[in-house]
Amino acid sequence: ELIVTAVYYEGSGRFTVGRGEIRRPEEGEVRLDVAYCGLCGTDLHIAHGSMDQRIRAPQVIGHEMSGTVAEVGTGVTGLAPGDKVVVRPLDSRGETAADKGISHICRNLKFLGIDTPGAFQSSWTVPAFTIHRLPPGIDLKLAALTEPLAVACHDVRRGRVAAGETVVVIGGGPIGVMISLVARSRGARVIVSEVNASRLAFVRQLGLTAVDPAESDLAQAVEDATDGAGADVVFEVSGSAAGAMAMTGLAGLRSRIVVVAIFAAPPAINLFDVFWKELEVLGTRVYEPDDYETAIDLLVSGRLPLADLITSVEPLEQLPAALEQLERNPSAMKILVDCRA
């Protein structure tokens, strides 16, 4: 009998490590052996208890996974045991006509690992429509970056970033760094704004231009880089009041601002700049299937230094400690959890 290990979120910021269950796939479902699962900001929000209204504790969380197919339910085609896969953790079966066909952000969207059980367990059963196949040669550690990389691909696509454009990314955390790398791969010039010294150093190691707005004049740096034209696209990824206030000033005429960060409280924004410069302000949330395929292609191509983003790999039993490490260590980019039984 296979022994499944799982980490359960118990509510109020508490976790326990215990026995999981093997749930045989029903029609249209697939059971996966989870290899790796990344920790992200959402998992930290959950650990703080700030998403308790969406989670039915005790519940397994986690959604940035890679793994292999273990069992296939009836009616599932194109997948076989042993296939390397990732999950796009969105269930849009609650979609209605009022959602206008925009499935990935439909009103009744369920997010796997938040609204339903997630991937911090060695065996995970999911709807087959959430699965993307990977090429057999891919490293499953690297493949665990697909979900956040798909976020970055979606953000860059929403911003219509083109070759030769100047892009400013406010916030040098994992998503900000991935947006910067994807934008650079599209031929854009990228300037990253970040206040944390270790993150600044990391961004510069990747060959990206980085500015500490607390130390030097970010607006002047953008002016100098663009001969006074301003940025073509500004990504707000910091979720800070300062970032929201700065973003419109950095943008050039008829430029695009892409709001990536989740703002818990409404920030002050300079709407005069939006009027004066005819700016576009674009929202962006999660990803569509195409963004997953783009992310997988980028991972396989080896063109981006994505392996550098993996800070450490921790065993599943150490998940609570790994969350604390992610919280306390600003230089941590992406901590992976090894979920293999």
C-alpha atoms as a PDB file:
ATOM      1  CA  GLU A   1       0.000   0.000   0.000  1.00  0.00           C
ATOM      2  CA  LEU A   2       1.340   3.413  -1.001  1.00  0.00           C
ATOM      3  CA  ILE A   3       1.862   5.749   1.930  1.00  0.00           C
ATOM      4  CA  VAL A   4       0.852   9.320   1.144  1.00  0.00           C
ATOM      5  CA  THR A   5       2.269  12.194   3.164  1.00  0.00           C
ATOM      6  CA  ALA A   6       0.341  15.469   3.257  1.00  0.00           C
ATOM      7  CA  VAL A   7       0.636  18.809   5.026  1.00  0.00           C
ATOM      8  CA  TYR A   8      -2.685  20.115   6.309  1.00  0.00           C
ATOM      9  CA  TYR A   9      -3.531  23.739   6.970  1.00  0.00           C
ATOM     10  CA  GLU A  10      -5.524  23.686  10.230  1.00  0.00           C
ATOM     11  CA  GLY A  11      -6.684  27.329  10.245  1.00  0.00           C
ATOM     12  CA  SER A  12      -5.381  30.338  12.229  1.00  0.00           C
ATOM     13  CA  GLY A  13      -1.927  29.952  10.699  1.00  0.00           C
ATOM     14  CA  ARG A  14      -1.294  26.375  11.933  1.00  0.00           C
ATOM     15  CA  PHE A  15      -0.066  23.382   9.923  1.00  0.00           C
ATOM     16  CA  THR A  16       0.233  19.676  10.695  1.00  0.00           C
ATOM     17  CA  VAL A  17       2.063  16.928   8.823  1.00  0.00           C
ATOM     18  CA  GLY A  18       0.104  13.692   8.476  1.00  0.00           C
ATOM     19  CA  ARG A  19      -1.060  10.792   6.382  1.00  0.00           C
ATOM     20  CA  GLY A  20      -2.707  11.699   3.120  1.00  0.00           C
ATOM     21  CA  GLU A  21      -5.128   9.602   1.129  1.00  0.00           C
ATOM     22  CA  ILE A  22      -4.984   8.135  -2.328  1.00  0.00           C
ATOM     23  CA  ARG A  23      -8.111   9.315  -4.088  1.00  0.00           C
ATOM     24  CA  ARG A  24      -8.728   7.161  -7.142  1.00  0.00           C
ATOM     25  CA  PRO A  25      -9.518   9.271 -10.204  1.00  0.00           C
ATOM     26  CA  GLU A  26     -13.170   9.428 -11.196  1.00  0.00           C
ATOM     27  CA  GLU A  27     -14.355  10.090 -14.734  1.00  0.00           C
ATOM     28  CA  GLY A  28     -12.446  12.990 -16.280  1.00  0.00           C
ATOM     29  CA  GLU A  29      -9.877  13.036 -13.478  1.00  0.00           C
ATOM     30  CA  VAL A  30      -6.209  12.164 -13.190  1.00  0.00           C
ATOM     31  CA  ARG A  31      -4.208  11.129 -10.129  1.00  0.00           C
ATOM     32  CA  LEU A  32      -0.698  12.586  -9.997  1.00  0.00           C
ATOM     33  CA  ASP A  33       2.450  11.738  -8.098  1.00  0.00           C
ATOM     34  CA  VAL A  34       3.554  15.219  -7.020  1.00  0.00           C
ATOM     35  CA  ALA A  35       7.304  15.789  -7.377  1.00  0.00           C
ATOM     36  CA  TYR A  36       7.864  19.412  -6.354  1.00  0.00           C
ATOM     37  CA  CYS A  37       5.652  22.289  -5.282  1.00  0.00           C
ATOM     38  CA  GLY A  38       6.793  25.901  -4.894  1.00  0.00           C
ATOM     39  CA  LEU A  39       5.917  28.228  -2.033  1.00  0.00           C
ATOM     40  CA  CYS A  40       4.456  31.606  -2.959  1.00  0.00           C
ATOM     41  CA  GLY A  41       2.986  34.771  -1.479  1.00  0.00           C
ATOM     42  CA  THR A  42      -0.508  33.278  -1.533  1.00  0.00           C
ATOM     43  CA  ASP A  43       0.681  30.427   0.708  1.00  0.00           C
ATOM     44  CA  LEU A  44       2.057  33.044   3.116  1.00  0.00           C
ATOM     45  CA  HIS A  45      -1.312  34.867   3.105  1.00  0.00           C
ATOM     46  CA  ILE A  46      -2.966  31.546   3.958  1.00  0.00           C
ATOM     47  CA  ALA A  47      -0.421  30.870   6.714  1.00  0.00           C
ATOM     48  CA  HIS A  48      -1.273  34.263   8.235  1.00  0.00           C
ATOM     49  CA  GLY A  49      -4.912  33.199   8.429  1.00  0.00           C
ATOM     50  CA  SER A  50      -5.988  35.955   6.034  1.00  0.00           C
ATOM     51  CA  MET A  51      -7.731  33.548   3.627  1.00  0.00           C
ATOM     52  CA  ASP A  52      -9.515  31.382   6.220  1.00  0.00           C
ATOM     53  CA  GLN A  53     -12.918  32.275   4.759  1.00  0.00           C
ATOM     54  CA  ARG A  54     -12.026  30.396   1.532  1.00  0.00           C
ATOM     55  CA  ILE A  55     -10.379  27.330   3.056  1.00  0.00           C
ATOM     56  CA  ARG A  56     -12.125  24.361   4.629  1.00  0.00           C
ATOM     57  CA  ALA A  57      -9.638  23.345   7.292  1.00  0.00           C
ATOM     58  CA  PRO A  58      -8.035  20.896   7.696  1.00  0.00           C
ATOM     59  CA  GLN A  59      -7.008  21.222   4.049  1.00  0.00           C
ATOM     60  CA  VAL A  60      -3.948  20.601   1.893  1.00  0.00           C
ATOM     61  CA  ILE A  61      -2.848  23.795   0.088  1.00  0.00           C
ATOM     62  CA  GLY A  62      -0.191  24.482  -2.593  1.00  0.00           C
ATOM     63  CA  HIS A  63      -0.507  25.022  -6.353  1.00  0.00           C
ATOM     64  CA  GLU A  64       2.908  25.592  -8.019  1.00  0.00           C
ATOM     65  CA  MET A  65       3.559  21.931  -8.786  1.00  0.00           C
ATOM     66  CA  SER A  66       5.252  19.504 -11.122  1.00  0.00           C
ATOM     67  CA  GLY A  67       4.841  15.751 -11.182  1.00  0.00           C
ATOM     68  CA  THR A  68       3.960  12.639 -13.139  1.00  0.00           C
ATOM     69  CA  VAL A  69       0.701  10.923 -14.043  1.00  0.00           C
ATOM     70  CA  ALA A  70      -0.010   7.949 -11.746  1.00  0.00           C
ATOM     71  CA  GLU A  71      -3.540   6.938 -12.795  1.00  0.00           C
ATOM     72  CA  VAL A  72      -5.996   8.088 -15.437  1.00  0.00           C
ATOM     73  CA  GLY A  73      -9.783   8.082 -14.958  1.00  0.00           C
ATOM     74  CA  THR A  74     -12.284   6.972 -17.590  1.00  0.00           C
ATOM     75  CA  GLY A  75     -12.816   9.298 -20.524  1.00  0.00           C
ATOM     76  CA  VAL A  76      -9.379  10.902 -20.238  1.00  0.00           C
ATOM     77  CA  THR A  77      -7.338  10.859 -23.449  1.00  0.00           C
ATOM     78  CA  GLY A  78      -3.833  12.030 -24.301  1.00  0.00           C
ATOM     79  CA  LEU A  79      -2.385  11.264 -20.870  1.00  0.00           C
ATOM     80  CA  ALA A  80      -0.685   8.084 -19.677  1.00  0.00           C
ATOM     81  CA  PRO A  81       0.999   6.953 -16.448  1.00  0.00           C
ATOM     82  CA  GLY A  82       4.571   8.254 -16.307  1.00  0.00           C
ATOM     83  CA  ASP A  83       3.876  11.430 -18.315  1.00  0.00           C
ATOM     84  CA  LYS A  84       5.535  14.506 -16.788  1.00  0.00           C
ATOM     85  CA  VAL A  85       2.933  17.217 -16.193  1.00  0.00           C
ATOM     86  CA  VAL A  86       2.044  20.472 -14.475  1.00  0.00           C
ATOM     87  CA  VAL A  87      -1.377  21.646 -13.295  1.00  0.00           C
ATOM     88  CA  ARG A  88      -2.989  24.974 -14.214  1.00  0.00           C
ATOM     89  CA  PRO A  89      -4.894  25.240 -10.931  1.00  0.00           C
ATOM     90  CA  LEU A  90      -8.103  26.869 -12.175  1.00  0.00           C
ATOM     91  CA  ASP A  91     -11.540  25.247 -12.244  1.00  0.00           C
ATOM     92  CA  SER A  92     -13.913  27.416 -14.276  1.00  0.00           C
ATOM     93  CA  ARG A  93     -16.814  24.935 -14.399  1.00  0.00           C
ATOM     94  CA  GLY A  94     -18.967  27.499 -12.556  1.00  0.00           C
ATOM     95  CA  GLU A  95     -18.718  29.900 -15.508  1.00  0.00           C
ATOM     96  CA  THR A  96     -21.913  31.558 -16.757  1.00  0.00           C
ATOM     97  CA  ALA A  97     -22.844  33.616 -19.835  1.00  0.00           C
ATOM     98  CA  ALA A  98     -22.335  36.764 -17.736  1.00  0.00           C
ATOM     99  CA  ASP A  99     -18.596  35.983 -17.657  1.00  0.00           C
ATOM    100  CA  LYS A 100     -18.395  36.758 -21.408  1.00  0.00           C
ATOM    101  CA  GLY A 101     -16.193  33.741 -22.122  1.00  0.00           C
ATOM    102  CA  ILE A 102     -13.344  35.094 -19.981  1.00  0.00           C
ATOM    103  CA  SER A 103     -13.032  31.758 -18.210  1.00  0.00           C
ATOM    104  CA  HIS A 104      -9.800  32.271 -16.255  1.00  0.00           C
ATOM    105  CA  ILE A 105     -11.328  35.050 -14.126  1.00  0.00           C
ATOM    106  CA  CYS A 106     -14.985  33.981 -14.155  1.00  0.00           C
ATOM    107  CA  ARG A 107     -17.002  34.936 -11.078  1.00  0.00           C
ATOM    108  CA  ASN A 108     -17.394  31.388  -9.742  1.00  0.00           C
ATOM    109  CA  LEU A 109     -13.774  30.387 -10.413  1.00  0.00           C
ATOM    110  CA  LYS A 110     -12.341  27.841  -8.008  1.00  0.00           C
ATOM    111  CA  PHE A 111      -8.593  27.947  -7.400  1.00  0.00           C
ATOM    112  CA  LEU A 112      -7.060  24.528  -6.697  1.00  0.00           C
ATOM    113  CA  GLY A 113      -5.013  24.646  -3.500  1.00  0.00           C
ATOM    114  CA  ILE A 114      -7.205  27.392  -2.018  1.00  0.00           C
ATOM    115  CA  ASP A 115     -10.870  26.634  -2.686  1.00  0.00           C
ATOM    116  CA  THR A 116     -10.167  22.904  -3.135  1.00  0.00           C
ATOM    117  CA  PRO A 117      -7.330  20.635  -1.888  1.00  0.00           C
ATOM    118  CA  GLY A 118      -3.861  21.392  -3.234  1.00  0.00           C
ATOM    119  CA  ALA A 119      -0.468  19.917  -4.050  1.00  0.00           C
ATOM    120  CA  PHE A 120       1.474  19.745  -0.766  1.00  0.00           C
ATOM    121  CA  GLN A 121       0.937  15.977  -0.724  1.00  0.00           C
ATOM    122  CA  SER A 122       2.591  13.108  -2.537  1.00  0.00           C
ATOM    123  CA  SER A 123      -0.618  12.045  -4.358  1.00  0.00           C
ATOM    124  CA  TRP A 124      -3.042  14.592  -5.834  1.00  0.00           C
ATOM    125  CA  THR A 125      -6.183  13.950  -7.909  1.00  0.00           C
ATOM    126  CA  VAL A 126      -7.303  16.771 -10.232  1.00  0.00           C
ATOM    127  CA  PRO A 127      -9.613  17.380 -13.212  1.00  0.00           C
ATOM    128  CA  ALA A 128      -7.846  16.348 -16.437  1.00  0.00           C
ATOM    129  CA  PHE A 129      -8.618  19.723 -18.074  1.00  0.00           C
ATOM    130  CA  THR A 130      -6.177  21.426 -15.664  1.00  0.00           C
ATOM    131  CA  ILE A 131      -3.196  19.400 -16.881  1.00  0.00           C
ATOM    132  CA  HIS A 132      -0.454  20.473 -19.283  1.00  0.00           C
ATOM    133  CA  ARG A 133       1.963  17.838 -20.540  1.00  0.00           C
ATOM    134  CA  LEU A 134       5.706  18.465 -20.350  1.00  0.00           C
ATOM    135  CA  PRO A 135       8.431  17.151 -22.647  1.00  0.00           C
ATOM    136  CA  PRO A 136       9.949  13.958 -21.153  1.00  0.00           C
ATOM    137  CA  GLY A 137      13.460  15.419 -20.755  1.00  0.00           C
ATOM    138  CA  ILE A 138      12.487  18.355 -18.533  1.00  0.00           C
ATOM    139  CA  ASP A 139      13.846  18.706 -14.996  1.00  0.00           C
ATOM    140  CA  LEU A 140      10.839  18.528 -12.656  1.00  0.00           C
ATOM    141  CA  LYS A 141      12.468  21.013 -10.241  1.00  0.00           C
ATOM    142  CA  LEU A 142      12.551  23.596 -13.022  1.00  0.00           C
ATOM    143  CA  ALA A 143       9.048  22.581 -14.152  1.00  0.00           C
ATOM    144  CA  ALA A 144       7.699  23.573 -10.711  1.00  0.00           C
ATOM    145  CA  LEU A 145       8.348  27.184 -11.810  1.00  0.00           C
ATOM    146  CA  THR A 146       5.745  26.894 -14.604  1.00  0.00           C
ATOM    147  CA  GLU A 147       2.860  28.397 -12.624  1.00  0.00           C
ATOM    148  CA  PRO A 148       4.586  31.634 -11.528  1.00  0.00           C
ATOM    149  CA  LEU A 149       6.283  31.906 -14.938  1.00  0.00           C
ATOM    150  CA  ALA A 150       2.838  31.633 -16.578  1.00  0.00           C
ATOM    151  CA  VAL A 151       1.737  34.565 -14.386  1.00  0.00           C
ATOM    152  CA  ALA A 152       4.674  36.584 -15.764  1.00  0.00           C
ATOM    153  CA  CYS A 153       3.903  35.528 -19.360  1.00  0.00           C
ATOM    154  CA  HIS A 154       0.278  36.631 -18.907  1.00  0.00           C
ATOM    155  CA  ASP A 155       1.379  39.973 -17.414  1.00  0.00           C
ATOM    156  CA  VAL A 156       3.812  40.678 -20.265  1.00  0.00           C
ATOM    157  CA  ARG A 157       1.161  39.703 -22.822  1.00  0.00           C
ATOM    158  CA  ARG A 158      -1.397  42.012 -21.184  1.00  0.00           C
ATOM    159  CA  GLY A 159       1.182  44.805 -21.319  1.00  0.00           C
ATOM    160  CA  ARG A 160       1.813  44.141 -25.052  1.00  0.00           C
ATOM    161  CA  VAL A 161       5.554  44.405 -24.474  1.00  0.00           C
ATOM    162  CA  ALA A 162       7.417  44.701 -27.772  1.00  0.00           C
ATOM    163  CA  ALA A 163      11.076  44.607 -28.811  1.00  0.00           C
ATOM    164  CA  GLY A 164      12.879  47.917 -28.330  1.00  0.00           C
ATOM    165  CA  GLU A 165      10.502  49.163 -25.646  1.00  0.00           C
ATOM    166  CA  THR A 166      11.599  50.298 -22.189  1.00  0.00           C
ATOM    167  CA  VAL A 167       9.938  48.464 -19.335  1.00  0.00           C
ATOM    168  CA  VAL A 168      10.022  49.430 -15.655  1.00  0.00           C
ATOM    169  CA  VAL A 169       9.225  46.734 -13.106  1.00  0.00           C
ATOM    170  CA  ILE A 170       8.431  48.067  -9.619  1.00  0.00           C
ATOM    171  CA  GLY A 171       9.251  45.240  -7.197  1.00  0.00           C
ATOM    172  CA  GLY A 172      12.032  42.663  -7.482  1.00  0.00           C
ATOM    173  CA  GLY A 173      10.390  39.648  -5.862  1.00  0.00           C
ATOM    174  CA  PRO A 174       9.912  36.331  -7.693  1.00  0.00           C
ATOM    175  CA  ILE A 175       7.092  37.564  -9.977  1.00  0.00           C
ATOM    176  CA  GLY A 176       8.824  40.894 -10.649  1.00  0.00           C
ATOM    177  CA  VAL A 177      12.034  39.067 -11.598  1.00  0.00           C
ATOM    178  CA  MET A 178      10.142  36.654 -13.862  1.00  0.00           C
ATOM    179  CA  ILE A 179       8.306  39.534 -15.583  1.00  0.00           C
ATOM    180  CA  SER A 180      11.687  41.214 -16.118  1.00  0.00           C
ATOM    181  CA  LEU A 181      13.206  38.080 -17.654  1.00  0.00           C
ATOM    182  CA  VAL A 182      10.189  37.434 -19.926  1.00  0.00           C
ATOM    183  CA  ALA A 183      10.118  41.095 -21.038  1.00  0.00           C
ATOM    184  CA  ARG A 184      13.869  40.980 -21.744  1.00  0.00           C
ATOM    185  CA  SER A 185      13.377  37.800 -23.801  1.00  0.00           C
ATOM    186  CA  ARG A 186      10.870  39.800 -25.908  1.00  0.00           C
ATOM    187  CA  GLY A 187      13.626  42.317 -26.704  1.00  0.00           C
ATOM    188  CA  ALA A 188      12.646  45.013 -24.186  1.00  0.00           C
ATOM    189  CA  ARG A 189      15.063  47.057 -22.067  1.00  0.00           C
ATOM    190  CA  VAL A 190      14.213  46.469 -18.427  1.00  0.00           C
ATOM    191  CA  ILE A 191      14.757  48.619 -15.335  1.00  0.00           C
ATOM    192  CA  VAL A 192      13.848  47.035 -11.995  1.00  0.00           C
ATOM    193  CA  SER A 193      12.999  49.154  -8.940  1.00  0.00           C
ATOM    194  CA  GLU A 194      13.662  47.399  -5.612  1.00  0.00           C
ATOM    195  CA  VAL A 195      14.525  48.642  -2.103  1.00  0.00           C
ATOM    196  CA  ASN A 196      15.877  45.413  -0.593  1.00  0.00           C
ATOM    197  CA  ALA A 197      19.668  45.117  -0.878  1.00  0.00           C
ATOM    198  CA  SER A 198      19.850  41.337  -1.320  1.00  0.00           C
ATOM    199  CA  ARG A 199      17.140  41.375  -3.988  1.00  0.00           C
ATOM    200  CA  LEU A 200      18.878  44.260  -5.778  1.00  0.00           C
ATOM    201  CA  ALA A 201      22.089  42.237  -5.855  1.00  0.00           C
ATOM    202  CA  PHE A 202      20.237  39.172  -7.162  1.00  0.00           C
ATOM    203  CA  VAL A 203      18.526  41.156  -9.936  1.00  0.00           C
ATOM    204  CA  ARG A 204      21.885  42.613 -11.007  1.00  0.00           C
ATOM    205  CA  GLN A 205      23.452  39.129 -11.035  1.00  0.00           C
ATOM    206  CA  LEU A 206      20.865  38.208 -13.668  1.00  0.00           C
ATOM    207  CA  GLY A 207      22.216  41.038 -15.829  1.00  0.00           C
ATOM    208  CA  LEU A 208      19.226  43.320 -15.279  1.00  0.00           C
ATOM    209  CA  THR A 209      19.454  47.042 -14.540  1.00  0.00           C
ATOM    210  CA  ALA A 210      18.255  47.720 -11.001  1.00  0.00           C
ATOM    211  CA  VAL A 211      17.620  50.967  -9.125  1.00  0.00           C
ATOM    212  CA  ASP A 212      17.006  51.469  -5.408  1.00  0.00           C
ATOM    213  CA  PRO A 213      14.431  54.301  -5.318  1.00  0.00           C
ATOM    214  CA  ALA A 214      15.387  55.029  -1.692  1.00  0.00           C
ATOM    215  CA  GLU A 215      19.006  55.657  -2.728  1.00  0.00           C
ATOM    216  CA  SER A 216      18.671  57.296  -6.139  1.00  0.00           C
ATOM    217  CA  ASP A 217      16.108  59.064  -8.301  1.00  0.00           C
ATOM    218  CA  LEU A 218      14.168  56.361 -10.159  1.00  0.00           C
ATOM    219  CA  ALA A 219      12.288  58.859 -12.356  1.00  0.00           C
ATOM    220  CA  GLN A 220      15.590  60.432 -13.404  1.00  0.00           C
ATOM    221  CA  ALA A 221      17.069  57.013 -14.195  1.00  0.00           C
ATOM    222  CA  VAL A 222      14.097  56.250 -16.460  1.00  0.00           C
ATOM    223  CA  GLU A 223      14.341  59.702 -18.091  1.00  0.00           C
ATOM    224  CA  ASP A 224      18.048  59.182 -18.758  1.00  0.00           C
ATOM    225  CA  ALA A 225      17.501  55.689 -20.203  1.00  0.00           C
ATOM    226  CA  THR A 226      14.764  56.888 -22.576  1.00  0.00           C
ATOM    227  CA  ASP A 227      16.083  60.326 -23.631  1.00  0.00           C
ATOM    228  CA  GLY A 228      13.219  61.905 -21.715  1.00  0.00           C
ATOM    229  CA  ALA A 229      10.453  59.805 -23.299  1.00  0.00           C
ATOM    230  CA  GLY A 230       9.592  57.775 -20.178  1.00  0.00           C
ATOM    231  CA  ALA A 231       8.779  54.073 -19.947  1.00  0.00           C
ATOM    232  CA  ASP A 232       6.612  52.313 -22.545  1.00  0.00           C
ATOM    233  CA  VAL A 233       5.272  49.838 -19.979  1.00  0.00           C
ATOM    234  CA  VAL A 234       5.321  50.019 -16.163  1.00  0.00           C
ATOM    235  CA  PHE A 235       4.552  46.909 -14.097  1.00  0.00           C
ATOM    236  CA  GLU A 236       3.473  47.547 -10.495  1.00  0.00           C
ATOM    237  CA  VAL A 237       4.464  44.362  -8.665  1.00  0.00           C
ATOM    238  CA  SER A 238       5.374  45.731  -5.224  1.00  0.00           C
ATOM    239  CA  GLY A 239       1.873  46.174  -3.818  1.00  0.00           C
ATOM    240  CA  SER A 240       3.195  49.233  -1.992  1.00  0.00           C
ATOM    241  CA  ALA A 241       1.639  52.677  -1.667  1.00  0.00           C
ATOM    242  CA  ALA A 242       4.913  54.169  -2.952  1.00  0.00           C
ATOM    243  CA  GLY A 243       4.825  51.927  -6.028  1.00  0.00           C
ATOM    244  CA  ALA A 244       1.230  52.849  -6.843  1.00  0.00           C
ATOM    245  CA  MET A 245       2.042  56.542  -6.517  1.00  0.00           C
ATOM    246  CA  ALA A 246       5.243  56.289  -8.606  1.00  0.00           C
ATOM    247  CA  MET A 247       3.919  54.178 -11.499  1.00  0.00           C
ATOM    248  CA  THR A 248       2.099  56.905 -13.451  1.00  0.00           C
ATOM    249  CA  GLY A 249       4.994  59.343 -13.220  1.00  0.00           C
ATOM    250  CA  LEU A 250       7.433  56.855 -14.785  1.00  0.00           C
ATOM    251  CA  ALA A 251       5.218  56.229 -17.815  1.00  0.00           C
ATOM    252  CA  GLY A 252       5.663  58.063 -21.115  1.00  0.00           C
ATOM    253  CA  LEU A 253       2.887  59.422 -23.326  1.00  0.00           C
ATOM    254  CA  ARG A 254       0.235  56.824 -24.194  1.00  0.00           C
ATOM    255  CA  SER A 255       2.144  54.198 -22.241  1.00  0.00           C
ATOM    256  CA  ARG A 256       0.740  51.153 -20.474  1.00  0.00           C
ATOM    257  CA  ILE A 257       0.625  50.518 -16.736  1.00  0.00           C
ATOM    258  CA  VAL A 258       0.068  46.919 -15.694  1.00  0.00           C
ATOM    259  CA  VAL A 259      -1.174  46.367 -12.130  1.00  0.00           C
ATOM    260  CA  VAL A 260       0.145  42.954 -11.070  1.00  0.00           C
ATOM    261  CA  ALA A 261       0.268  43.215  -7.272  1.00  0.00           C
ATOM    262  CA  ILE A 262      -2.716  42.547  -5.045  1.00  0.00           C
ATOM    263  CA  PHE A 263      -3.560  45.676  -3.029  1.00  0.00           C
ATOM    264  CA  ALA A 264      -5.428  44.806   0.160  1.00  0.00           C
ATOM    265  CA  ALA A 265      -6.391  48.464   0.694  1.00  0.00           C
ATOM    266  CA  PRO A 266      -7.039  50.978  -2.133  1.00  0.00           C
ATOM    267  CA  PRO A 267      -3.863  53.044  -2.690  1.00  0.00           C
ATOM    268  CA  ALA A 268      -3.575  56.659  -3.767  1.00  0.00           C
ATOM    269  CA  ILE A 269      -3.011  56.913  -7.544  1.00  0.00           C
ATOM    270  CA  ASN A 270      -2.140  60.005  -9.558  1.00  0.00           C
ATOM    271  CA  LEU A 271      -5.052  59.983 -11.998  1.00  0.00           C
ATOM    272  CA  PHE A 272      -3.979  63.391 -13.317  1.00  0.00           C
ATOM    273  CA  ASP A 273      -1.038  61.587 -14.998  1.00  0.00           C
ATOM    274  CA  VAL A 274      -3.468  59.086 -16.536  1.00  0.00           C
ATOM    275  CA  PHE A 275      -5.443  61.976 -18.045  1.00  0.00           C
ATOM    276  CA  TRP A 276      -2.462  64.163 -19.000  1.00  0.00           C
ATOM    277  CA  LYS A 277      -0.491  61.422 -20.740  1.00  0.00           C
ATOM    278  CA  GLU A 278      -3.413  59.334 -22.072  1.00  0.00           C
ATOM    279  CA  LEU A 279      -2.196  56.313 -20.136  1.00  0.00           C
ATOM    280  CA  GLU A 280      -3.744  52.855 -20.217  1.00  0.00           C
ATOM    281  CA  VAL A 281      -4.093  51.109 -16.859  1.00  0.00           C
ATOM    282  CA  LEU A 282      -4.423  47.331 -17.264  1.00  0.00           C
ATOM    283  CA  GLY A 283      -5.375  44.754 -14.682  1.00  0.00           C
ATOM    284  CA  THR A 284      -3.928  41.261 -14.882  1.00  0.00           C
ATOM    285  CA  ARG A 285      -4.833  38.134 -12.953  1.00  0.00           C
ATOM    286  CA  VAL A 286      -3.531  34.562 -13.120  1.00  0.00           C
ATOM    287  CA  TYR A 287      -3.196  33.096 -16.651  1.00  0.00           C
ATOM    288  CA  GLU A 288      -4.855  31.478 -19.622  1.00  0.00           C
ATOM    289  CA  PRO A 289      -3.904  28.112 -21.200  1.00  0.00           C
ATOM    290  CA  ASP A 290      -1.701  29.836 -23.806  1.00  0.00           C
ATOM    291  CA  ASP A 291       0.356  31.452 -21.051  1.00  0.00           C
ATOM    292  CA  TYR A 292       1.102  27.995 -19.620  1.00  0.00           C
ATOM    293  CA  GLU A 293       2.279  26.758 -23.012  1.00  0.00           C
ATOM    294  CA  THR A 294       4.461  29.877 -23.438  1.00  0.00           C
ATOM    295  CA  ALA A 295       5.951  29.313 -19.979  1.00  0.00           C
ATOM    296  CA  ILE A 296       6.694  25.649 -20.731  1.00  0.00           C
ATOM    297  CA  ASP A 297       8.363  26.640 -24.023  1.00  0.00           C
ATOM    298  CA  LEU A 298      10.533  29.193 -22.193  1.00  0.00           C
ATOM    299  CA  LEU A 299      11.501  26.635 -19.529  1.00  0.00           C
ATOM    300  CA  VAL A 300      12.441  24.051 -22.142  1.00  0.00           C
ATOM    301  CA  SER A 301      14.376  26.551 -24.286  1.00  0.00           C
ATOM    302  CA  GLY A 302      16.869  27.244 -21.496  1.00  0.00           C
ATOM    303  CA  ARG A 303      16.999  30.893 -22.637  1.00  0.00           C
ATOM    304  CA  LEU A 304      16.172  32.308 -19.202  1.00  0.00           C
ATOM    305  CA  PRO A 305      18.313  31.797 -16.053  1.00  0.00           C
ATOM    306  CA  LEU A 306      15.320  30.380 -14.186  1.00  0.00           C
ATOM    307  CA  ALA A 307      17.251  27.764 -12.203  1.00  0.00           C
ATOM    308  CA  ASP A 308      18.920  30.692 -10.375  1.00  0.00           C
ATOM    309  CA  LEU A 309      15.531  31.529  -8.828  1.00  0.00           C
ATOM    310  CA  ILE A 310      15.392  28.244  -6.896  1.00  0.00           C
ATOM    311  CA  THR A 311      16.709  29.219  -3.463  1.00  0.00           C
ATOM    312  CA  SER A 312      16.419  25.798  -1.839  1.00  0.00           C
ATOM    313  CA  VAL A 313      14.535  22.486  -1.912  1.00  0.00           C
ATOM    314  CA  GLU A 314      13.024  21.373   1.402  1.00  0.00           C
ATOM    315  CA  PRO A 315      11.345  18.076   2.369  1.00  0.00           C
ATOM    316  CA  LEU A 316       7.547  18.100   2.674  1.00  0.00           C
ATOM    317  CA  GLU A 317       7.723  17.566   6.459  1.00  0.00           C
ATOM    318  CA  GLN A 318       9.633  20.873   6.726  1.00  0.00           C
ATOM    319  CA  LEU A 319       6.902  22.929   5.013  1.00  0.00           C
ATOM    320  CA  PRO A 320       5.999  25.047   8.087  1.00  0.00           C
ATOM    321  CA  ALA A 321       9.694  25.911   8.613  1.00  0.00           C
ATOM    322  CA  ALA A 322      10.109  26.645   4.883  1.00  0.00           C
ATOM    323  CA  LEU A 323       7.212  29.129   5.051  1.00  0.00           C
ATOM    324  CA  GLU A 324       8.937  30.885   7.947  1.00  0.00           C
ATOM    325  CA  GLN A 325      12.182  30.967   5.961  1.00  0.00           C
ATOM    326  CA  LEU A 326      10.383  32.532   2.988  1.00  0.00           C
ATOM    327  CA  GLU A 327       8.869  35.154   5.288  1.00  0.00           C
ATOM    328  CA  ARG A 328      12.057  36.048   7.158  1.00  0.00           C
ATOM    329  CA  ASN A 329      14.615  35.846   4.373  1.00  0.00           C
ATOM    330  CA  PRO A 330      14.064  38.579   1.759  1.00  0.00           C
ATOM    331  CA  SER A 331      16.792  37.099  -0.447  1.00  0.00           C
ATOM    332  CA  ALA A 332      14.761  33.874  -0.794  1.00  0.00           C
ATOM    333  CA  MET A 333      13.216  33.795  -4.267  1.00  0.00           C
ATOM    334  CA  LYS A 334      11.572  30.422  -4.778  1.00  0.00           C
ATOM    335  CA  ILE A 335      11.624  27.678  -2.164  1.00  0.00           C
ATOM    336  CA  LEU A 336      10.536  24.305  -3.545  1.00  0.00           C
ATOM    337  CA  VAL A 337       9.051  21.545  -1.428  1.00  0.00           C
ATOM    338  CA  ASP A 338       9.939  17.965  -2.351  1.00  0.00           C
ATOM    339  CA  CYS A 339       6.627  16.093  -2.147  1.00  0.00           C
ATOM    340  CA  ARG A 340       7.850  12.701  -3.398  1.00  0.00           C
ATOM    341  CA  ALA A 341       6.821   9.877  -1.097  1.00  0.00           C
END
